[in-house]
Protein backbone atom coordinates (compact mmCIF):
# COMPACT_ATOMS: atom_id res chain seq x y z
CA UNK A 1 63.07 167.23 108.42
CA UNK A 2 63.78 163.94 106.61
CA UNK A 3 61.32 161.07 106.67
CA UNK A 4 63.69 158.81 108.61
CA UNK A 5 64.16 161.51 111.26
CA UNK A 6 60.38 161.87 111.58
CA UNK A 7 60.04 158.10 111.94
CA UNK A 8 62.73 158.13 114.58
CA UNK A 9 60.93 160.82 116.58
CA UNK A 10 57.70 158.87 116.34
CA UNK A 11 59.60 155.74 117.43
CA UNK A 12 61.07 157.42 120.49
CA UNK A 13 57.82 159.11 121.47
CA UNK A 14 55.16 156.57 120.48
CA UNK A 15 56.47 153.18 121.49
CA UNK A 16 53.02 151.99 122.49
CA UNK A 17 51.67 152.83 119.05
CA UNK A 18 54.47 150.87 117.40
CA UNK A 19 53.67 147.82 119.49
CA UNK A 20 50.23 147.61 117.89
CA UNK A 21 51.04 145.74 114.67
CA UNK A 22 47.46 146.18 113.37
CA UNK A 23 47.54 149.99 113.67
CA UNK A 24 47.99 151.53 110.20
CA UNK A 25 50.00 154.39 111.72
CA UNK A 26 52.40 151.91 113.38
CA UNK A 27 52.82 150.02 110.12
CA UNK A 28 53.53 153.25 108.23
CA UNK A 29 56.08 154.41 110.83
CA UNK A 30 57.88 151.05 110.79
CA UNK A 31 58.18 151.18 107.02
CA UNK A 32 59.99 154.53 107.27
CA UNK A 33 62.31 153.46 110.10
CA UNK A 34 65.96 152.72 109.41
CA UNK A 35 67.49 149.31 110.14
CA UNK A 36 69.19 150.59 113.31
CA UNK A 37 65.88 152.00 114.59
CA UNK A 38 64.11 148.71 113.91
CA UNK A 39 66.82 146.85 115.83
CA UNK A 40 66.54 149.30 118.69
CA UNK A 41 62.78 148.75 118.77
CA UNK A 42 63.23 144.96 118.83
CA UNK A 43 65.85 145.27 121.57
CA UNK A 44 63.49 147.39 123.69
CA UNK A 45 60.68 144.90 123.20
CA UNK A 46 62.90 141.99 124.27
CA UNK A 47 64.04 143.88 127.38
CA UNK A 48 60.43 144.77 128.22
CA UNK A 49 59.37 141.15 127.83
CA UNK A 50 62.28 139.94 129.97
CA UNK A 51 61.43 142.45 132.73
CA UNK A 52 57.79 141.36 132.64
CA UNK A 53 58.80 137.70 133.03
CA UNK A 54 61.12 138.49 135.91
CA UNK A 55 58.44 140.55 137.68
CA UNK A 56 56.02 137.65 137.40
CA UNK A 57 58.51 135.33 139.10
CA UNK A 58 59.71 133.30 136.11
CA UNK A 59 63.04 131.51 136.58
CA UNK A 60 65.91 131.95 134.07
CA UNK A 61 65.36 128.39 132.87
CA UNK A 62 61.65 129.07 132.22
CA UNK A 63 62.47 132.28 130.36
CA UNK A 64 65.00 130.40 128.23
CA UNK A 65 62.47 127.64 127.51
CA UNK A 66 59.75 130.05 126.40
CA UNK A 67 62.23 132.03 124.28
CA UNK A 68 63.54 128.87 122.59
CA UNK A 69 61.90 129.54 119.17
CA UNK A 70 63.54 132.96 118.96
CA UNK A 71 66.89 131.76 120.35
CA UNK A 72 66.97 128.74 118.03
CA UNK A 73 66.55 131.02 115.03
CA UNK A 74 69.45 133.19 116.18
CA UNK A 75 71.65 130.17 116.91
CA UNK A 76 70.93 128.62 113.51
CA UNK A 77 71.75 131.90 111.79
CA UNK A 78 75.09 132.09 113.63
CA UNK A 79 75.85 128.46 112.76
CA UNK A 80 75.17 129.09 109.09
CA UNK A 81 77.41 132.15 109.20
CA UNK A 82 80.24 130.20 110.85
CA UNK A 83 79.81 127.30 108.45
CA UNK A 84 79.97 129.63 105.48
CA UNK A 85 83.12 131.24 106.87
CA UNK A 86 84.66 127.78 107.45
CA UNK A 87 83.86 126.75 103.89
CA UNK A 88 85.52 129.90 102.55
CA UNK A 89 88.65 129.27 104.63
CA UNK A 90 88.71 125.60 103.57
CA UNK A 91 88.44 126.58 99.92
CA UNK A 92 91.29 129.07 100.24
CA UNK A 93 93.47 126.48 102.03
CA UNK A 94 92.63 123.81 99.43
CA UNK A 95 93.59 126.12 96.56
CA UNK A 96 96.81 127.07 98.33
CA UNK A 97 97.73 123.42 99.01
CA UNK A 98 96.98 122.52 95.40
CA UNK A 99 99.42 125.13 94.14
CA UNK A 100 102.04 124.11 96.70
CA UNK A 101 101.75 120.36 96.03
CA UNK A 102 101.62 120.72 92.23
CA UNK A 103 105.32 120.65 91.44
CA UNK A 104 105.48 123.01 88.41
CA UNK A 105 103.46 125.65 90.23
CA UNK A 106 105.48 125.12 93.41
CA UNK A 107 108.75 125.67 91.52
CA UNK A 108 107.30 128.80 89.90
CA UNK A 109 106.24 130.14 93.32
CA UNK A 110 109.75 129.45 94.67
CA UNK A 111 111.34 131.17 91.67
CA UNK A 112 109.35 134.38 91.97
CA UNK A 113 109.57 134.24 95.75
CA UNK A 114 113.37 134.14 95.65
CA UNK A 115 113.54 136.90 93.07
CA UNK A 116 111.30 139.06 95.25
CA UNK A 117 113.41 138.36 98.33
CA UNK A 118 116.60 139.28 96.44
CA UNK A 119 115.08 142.58 95.27
CA UNK A 120 114.00 143.27 98.84
CA UNK A 121 117.55 143.11 100.27
CA UNK A 122 118.53 146.75 99.39
CA UNK A 123 115.52 148.00 101.36
CA UNK A 124 115.52 145.42 104.18
CA UNK A 125 118.32 142.96 104.91
CA UNK A 126 116.35 139.86 105.86
CA UNK A 127 119.36 137.53 105.50
CA UNK A 128 120.39 137.92 109.14
CA UNK A 129 116.95 136.64 110.14
CA UNK A 130 116.97 133.84 107.57
CA UNK A 131 120.30 132.50 108.83
CA UNK A 132 119.47 132.80 112.53
CA UNK A 133 117.83 130.03 114.53
CA UNK A 134 115.62 132.39 116.55
CA UNK A 135 113.46 135.22 115.25
CA UNK A 136 113.33 136.94 118.64
CA UNK A 137 116.47 137.15 120.76
CA UNK A 138 116.33 135.56 124.19
CA UNK A 139 118.55 137.58 126.56
CA UNK A 140 118.85 134.57 128.89
CA UNK A 141 120.03 132.14 126.18
CA UNK A 142 123.77 131.52 126.28
CA UNK A 143 124.00 129.05 123.40
CA UNK A 144 126.13 125.92 123.04
CA UNK A 145 129.60 126.21 124.47
CA UNK A 146 132.43 126.08 121.96
CA UNK A 147 135.68 124.14 122.38
CA UNK A 148 137.53 125.01 125.56
CA UNK A 149 141.27 125.53 126.04
CA UNK A 150 141.40 122.11 127.68
CA UNK A 151 139.86 120.57 124.54
CA UNK A 152 142.57 122.22 122.44
CA UNK A 153 145.27 120.85 124.72
CA UNK A 154 143.85 117.33 124.46
CA UNK A 155 143.63 117.24 120.68
CA UNK A 156 146.86 119.01 119.73
CA UNK A 157 149.00 115.87 120.10
CA UNK A 158 146.75 113.59 118.01
CA UNK A 159 147.42 113.45 114.26
CA UNK A 160 145.71 110.11 113.53
CA UNK A 161 142.36 108.62 114.53
CA UNK A 162 143.02 105.52 116.65
CA UNK A 163 141.32 102.25 115.70
CA UNK A 164 139.97 100.19 118.57
CA UNK A 165 138.33 96.81 119.15
CA UNK A 166 137.13 94.80 122.14
CA UNK A 167 136.95 97.89 124.36
CA UNK A 168 134.89 98.48 127.48
CA UNK A 169 132.84 101.39 128.78
CA UNK A 170 135.38 102.67 131.29
CA UNK A 171 138.22 102.79 128.77
CA UNK A 172 136.09 104.63 126.19
CA UNK A 173 134.85 107.06 128.83
CA UNK A 174 138.28 107.88 130.30
CA UNK A 175 140.39 107.88 127.15
CA UNK A 176 138.01 109.31 124.55
CA UNK A 177 134.58 110.55 125.64
CA UNK A 178 135.73 112.79 128.49
CA UNK A 179 138.78 114.30 126.68
CA UNK A 180 136.85 114.48 123.33
CA UNK A 181 139.34 112.37 121.38
CA UNK A 182 137.85 110.88 118.15
CA UNK A 183 138.16 107.15 117.57
CA UNK A 184 137.12 104.34 115.24
CA UNK A 185 135.74 101.01 116.47
CA UNK A 186 136.14 98.07 114.07
CA UNK A 187 134.10 95.32 115.75
CA UNK A 188 130.84 97.00 116.82
CA UNK A 189 128.64 96.22 113.80
CA UNK A 190 128.99 92.47 113.42
CA UNK A 191 125.58 91.86 115.03
CA UNK A 192 123.77 94.53 113.01
CA UNK A 193 121.06 93.10 110.69
CA UNK A 194 121.79 96.03 108.40
CA UNK A 195 125.19 94.57 107.50
CA UNK A 196 123.51 91.65 105.71
CA UNK A 197 120.19 93.11 104.61
CA UNK A 198 120.90 96.68 103.53
CA UNK A 199 121.11 97.30 99.79
CA UNK A 200 119.16 99.59 97.48
CA UNK A 201 116.45 97.00 96.76
CA UNK A 202 115.93 96.27 100.45
CA UNK A 203 115.80 99.97 101.35
CA UNK A 204 113.23 100.61 98.62
CA UNK A 205 111.09 97.78 99.97
CA UNK A 206 111.54 99.07 103.54
CA UNK A 207 110.41 102.58 102.56
CA UNK A 208 107.33 101.26 100.77
CA UNK A 209 106.19 98.77 103.44
CA UNK A 210 107.10 100.31 106.79
CA UNK A 211 104.17 102.57 107.82
CA UNK A 212 106.34 105.29 109.42
CA UNK A 213 108.89 105.47 106.59
CA UNK A 214 106.14 105.32 103.97
CA UNK A 215 104.21 108.19 105.56
CA UNK A 216 106.97 110.59 106.64
CA UNK A 217 109.23 112.52 104.30
CA UNK A 218 112.80 113.36 105.39
CA UNK A 219 113.20 116.56 107.35
CA UNK A 220 116.38 117.32 105.38
CA UNK A 221 117.40 116.05 101.94
CA UNK A 222 120.45 116.51 99.68
CA UNK A 223 121.32 114.85 96.37
CA UNK A 224 123.06 115.49 93.05
CA UNK A 225 119.89 114.39 91.19
CA UNK A 226 117.40 116.43 93.19
CA UNK A 227 116.02 118.02 90.01
CA UNK A 228 115.02 114.60 88.68
CA UNK A 229 112.74 113.85 91.62
CA UNK A 230 110.08 115.60 93.65
CA UNK A 231 111.34 117.58 96.58
CA UNK A 232 112.56 115.36 99.45
CA UNK A 233 110.97 112.27 97.90
CA UNK A 234 113.49 109.60 98.88
CA UNK A 235 111.11 106.82 97.86
CA UNK A 236 111.01 108.11 94.30
CA UNK A 237 114.82 108.31 94.27
CA UNK A 238 115.17 104.67 95.39
CA UNK A 239 112.62 103.61 92.78
CA UNK A 240 114.63 105.33 90.03
CA UNK A 241 117.83 103.71 91.35
CA UNK A 242 116.57 100.10 91.29
CA UNK A 243 114.92 100.63 87.89
CA UNK A 244 118.22 101.87 86.44
CA UNK A 245 116.95 105.38 85.57
CA UNK A 246 119.91 106.97 87.38
CA UNK A 247 123.49 105.71 87.28
CA UNK A 248 125.90 108.06 89.05
CA UNK A 249 124.29 109.50 92.13
CA UNK A 250 124.54 110.23 95.82
CA UNK A 251 121.94 111.26 98.40
CA UNK A 252 121.70 111.85 102.11
CA UNK A 253 118.64 112.57 104.18
CA UNK A 254 117.61 112.91 107.80
CA UNK A 255 114.62 111.51 109.67
CA UNK A 256 113.25 113.56 112.56
CA UNK A 257 110.11 111.59 113.48
CA UNK A 258 110.46 109.15 116.37
CA UNK A 259 108.67 106.35 114.50
CA UNK A 260 111.01 106.65 111.50
CA UNK A 261 114.08 106.71 113.74
CA UNK A 262 112.91 103.56 115.55
CA UNK A 263 112.38 101.80 112.22
CA UNK A 264 116.11 102.03 111.50
CA UNK A 265 117.25 101.18 115.01
CA UNK A 266 115.74 97.75 114.46
CA UNK A 267 118.55 97.15 111.95
CA UNK A 268 121.28 99.33 113.48
CA UNK A 269 121.69 98.33 117.10
CA UNK A 270 123.23 100.34 119.91
CA UNK A 271 127.03 99.81 119.78
CA UNK A 272 128.35 97.81 122.70
CA UNK A 273 131.07 100.33 123.62
CA UNK A 274 128.71 103.22 124.39
CA UNK A 275 128.24 103.85 128.14
CA UNK A 276 124.73 103.58 129.63
CA UNK A 277 124.45 107.35 130.12
CA UNK A 278 124.77 108.03 126.38
CA UNK A 279 121.36 109.20 125.10
CA UNK A 280 120.84 109.14 121.28
CA UNK A 281 118.96 112.01 119.69
CA UNK A 282 115.75 111.70 117.67
CA UNK A 283 117.46 112.50 114.36
CA UNK A 284 119.19 109.94 112.14
CA UNK A 285 120.94 110.28 108.80
CA UNK A 286 121.16 107.84 105.90
CA UNK A 287 123.90 108.38 103.30
CA UNK A 288 123.72 106.50 100.00
CA UNK A 289 125.70 106.53 96.76
CA UNK A 290 126.54 104.37 93.76
CA UNK A 291 129.13 104.88 91.03
CA UNK A 292 129.53 108.43 92.27
CA UNK A 293 132.78 110.32 91.71
CA UNK A 294 132.68 113.23 94.11
CA UNK A 295 135.12 116.07 93.51
CA UNK A 296 134.56 118.11 96.66
CA UNK A 297 134.10 117.24 100.30
CA UNK A 298 130.65 117.70 101.80
CA UNK A 299 129.85 118.80 105.34
CA UNK A 300 127.79 116.50 107.55
CA UNK A 301 126.02 119.19 109.55
CA UNK A 302 125.00 117.65 112.87
CA UNK A 303 124.76 119.59 116.10
CA UNK A 304 124.78 116.83 118.72
CA UNK A 305 127.61 116.51 121.25
CA UNK A 306 128.77 112.97 120.35
CA UNK A 307 128.27 111.82 116.75
CA UNK A 308 128.50 108.29 115.34
CA UNK A 309 129.10 107.58 111.64
CA UNK A 310 128.65 103.88 110.82
CA UNK A 311 129.88 102.51 107.48
CA UNK A 312 127.55 99.69 106.34
CA UNK A 313 128.72 99.25 102.74
CA UNK A 314 131.52 100.78 100.69
CA UNK A 315 134.00 103.36 101.95
CA UNK A 316 133.98 106.99 103.01
CA UNK A 317 136.94 109.36 103.01
CA UNK A 318 136.42 111.44 106.15
CA UNK A 319 138.09 114.65 107.34
CA UNK A 320 137.69 116.02 110.87
CA UNK A 321 138.43 119.74 110.94
CA UNK A 322 138.89 121.39 114.38
CA UNK A 323 136.84 124.49 115.00
CA UNK A 324 137.91 127.83 116.50
CA UNK A 325 139.88 128.29 118.72
CA UNK A 326 141.40 124.80 118.35
CA UNK A 327 141.94 125.13 114.60
CA UNK A 328 145.28 126.87 115.19
CA UNK A 329 146.68 124.18 117.51
CA UNK A 330 144.95 120.89 116.65
CA UNK A 331 145.71 119.10 113.36
CA UNK A 332 143.08 118.13 110.80
CA UNK A 333 142.42 114.38 110.94
CA UNK A 334 141.80 112.29 107.82
CA UNK A 335 141.03 108.61 107.36
CA UNK A 336 139.02 106.15 105.29
CA UNK A 337 136.15 104.23 106.84
CA UNK A 338 135.47 100.73 105.55
CA UNK A 339 132.36 98.59 105.96
CA UNK A 340 131.84 97.51 109.56
CA UNK A 341 133.63 100.50 111.13
CA UNK A 342 132.13 103.24 113.31
CA UNK A 343 133.68 106.69 113.65
CA UNK A 344 132.94 108.62 116.85
CA UNK A 345 133.75 112.33 116.99
CA UNK A 346 132.76 115.36 119.02
CA UNK A 347 131.00 118.60 118.18
CA UNK A 348 131.70 121.54 118.36
CA UNK A 349 135.38 120.54 118.63
CA UNK A 350 135.26 118.96 115.16
CA UNK A 351 133.18 119.26 112.03
CA UNK A 352 133.15 116.25 109.73
CA UNK A 353 133.59 116.52 105.97
CA UNK A 354 133.20 113.44 103.80
CA UNK A 355 134.12 112.50 100.24
CA UNK A 356 132.37 109.76 98.26
CA UNK A 357 134.43 108.65 95.26
CA UNK A 358 133.94 105.01 94.45
CA UNK A 359 132.17 102.87 91.84
CA UNK A 360 130.81 100.54 94.51
CA UNK A 361 127.59 100.83 96.44
CA UNK A 362 127.81 103.06 99.48
CA UNK A 363 125.54 102.97 102.55
CA UNK A 364 126.24 104.74 105.84
CA UNK A 365 124.17 105.49 108.93
CA UNK A 366 124.78 108.41 111.28
CA UNK A 367 123.25 109.85 114.43
CA UNK A 368 124.22 111.92 117.42
CA UNK A 369 123.57 112.03 121.12
CA UNK A 370 124.47 113.45 124.50
CA UNK A 371 125.76 112.40 127.90
């Protein structure tokens, strides 16, 4: 029989001997005991001590007080273990964030990540999950309603976007908002501070002094010079623009934080023609360009029901393309927005495509909402 087995037998049969720490036999047996047997012995001693205290009428609080030296040691050991684990996790997170924030490493991670994802497609087609808005299907979700037959009937006779001024809520509601007929208002931006203040220098100053705009990066960012700047860093782009480092450029980005959205609404007021029940969303877009000669139209992808596109400086060539099923009956609408004009259109009846092709400075502001 092995020595550990012998020690175990002695442990199970001679507990009283083991309790005598001055007995040479007890000391010898404990030396030969395994770790599990030693823990079992300690556990039995603790239970015996607890039973003795209970039998003598000690309260739970008194037992806890007398056992404080032992409990404190256990608690400190657990705290050290948790602290060590927290330090390990913090170190791993710090290393990960360093690689992600360091631009060359981040680009390398993206490169190999994309290559790996492409090689994975023959074995698992992840693209359907990457393009979907929900990872898990909700059987009760119906989704946004598309254009109705009534919408198609309303838009089929309109081949131009009407221009309006000095209009009231009831007219806009009855003639445009309810039947989803796009329109342009020419006199709704005269009281906007943005009309006088907005230029590239002012925007750069605004993004470096306003706490919300300085702190928050755009939630979506597009530009033809995106490789020359850090990802989504609109402040760096504006700095390069006013310093003359870039000449022919365009950019558009969206803000999704409430504080950032409010910072712009100080300069871009609520248009007078909108009815009181119109509720703007918490996403706003800023579209900028200078000396940019665009060749292809770009899609302004916004999912709100009623969308406003306000031209602050320059011009924008806009195209409203009807979506299915109205694309076979309703004509495509095209027009050019000039400074001081607001286009209002409706999704999902229309998707807006825009073309920037002008040597002048271009600034536009867009947001959506619901009724």
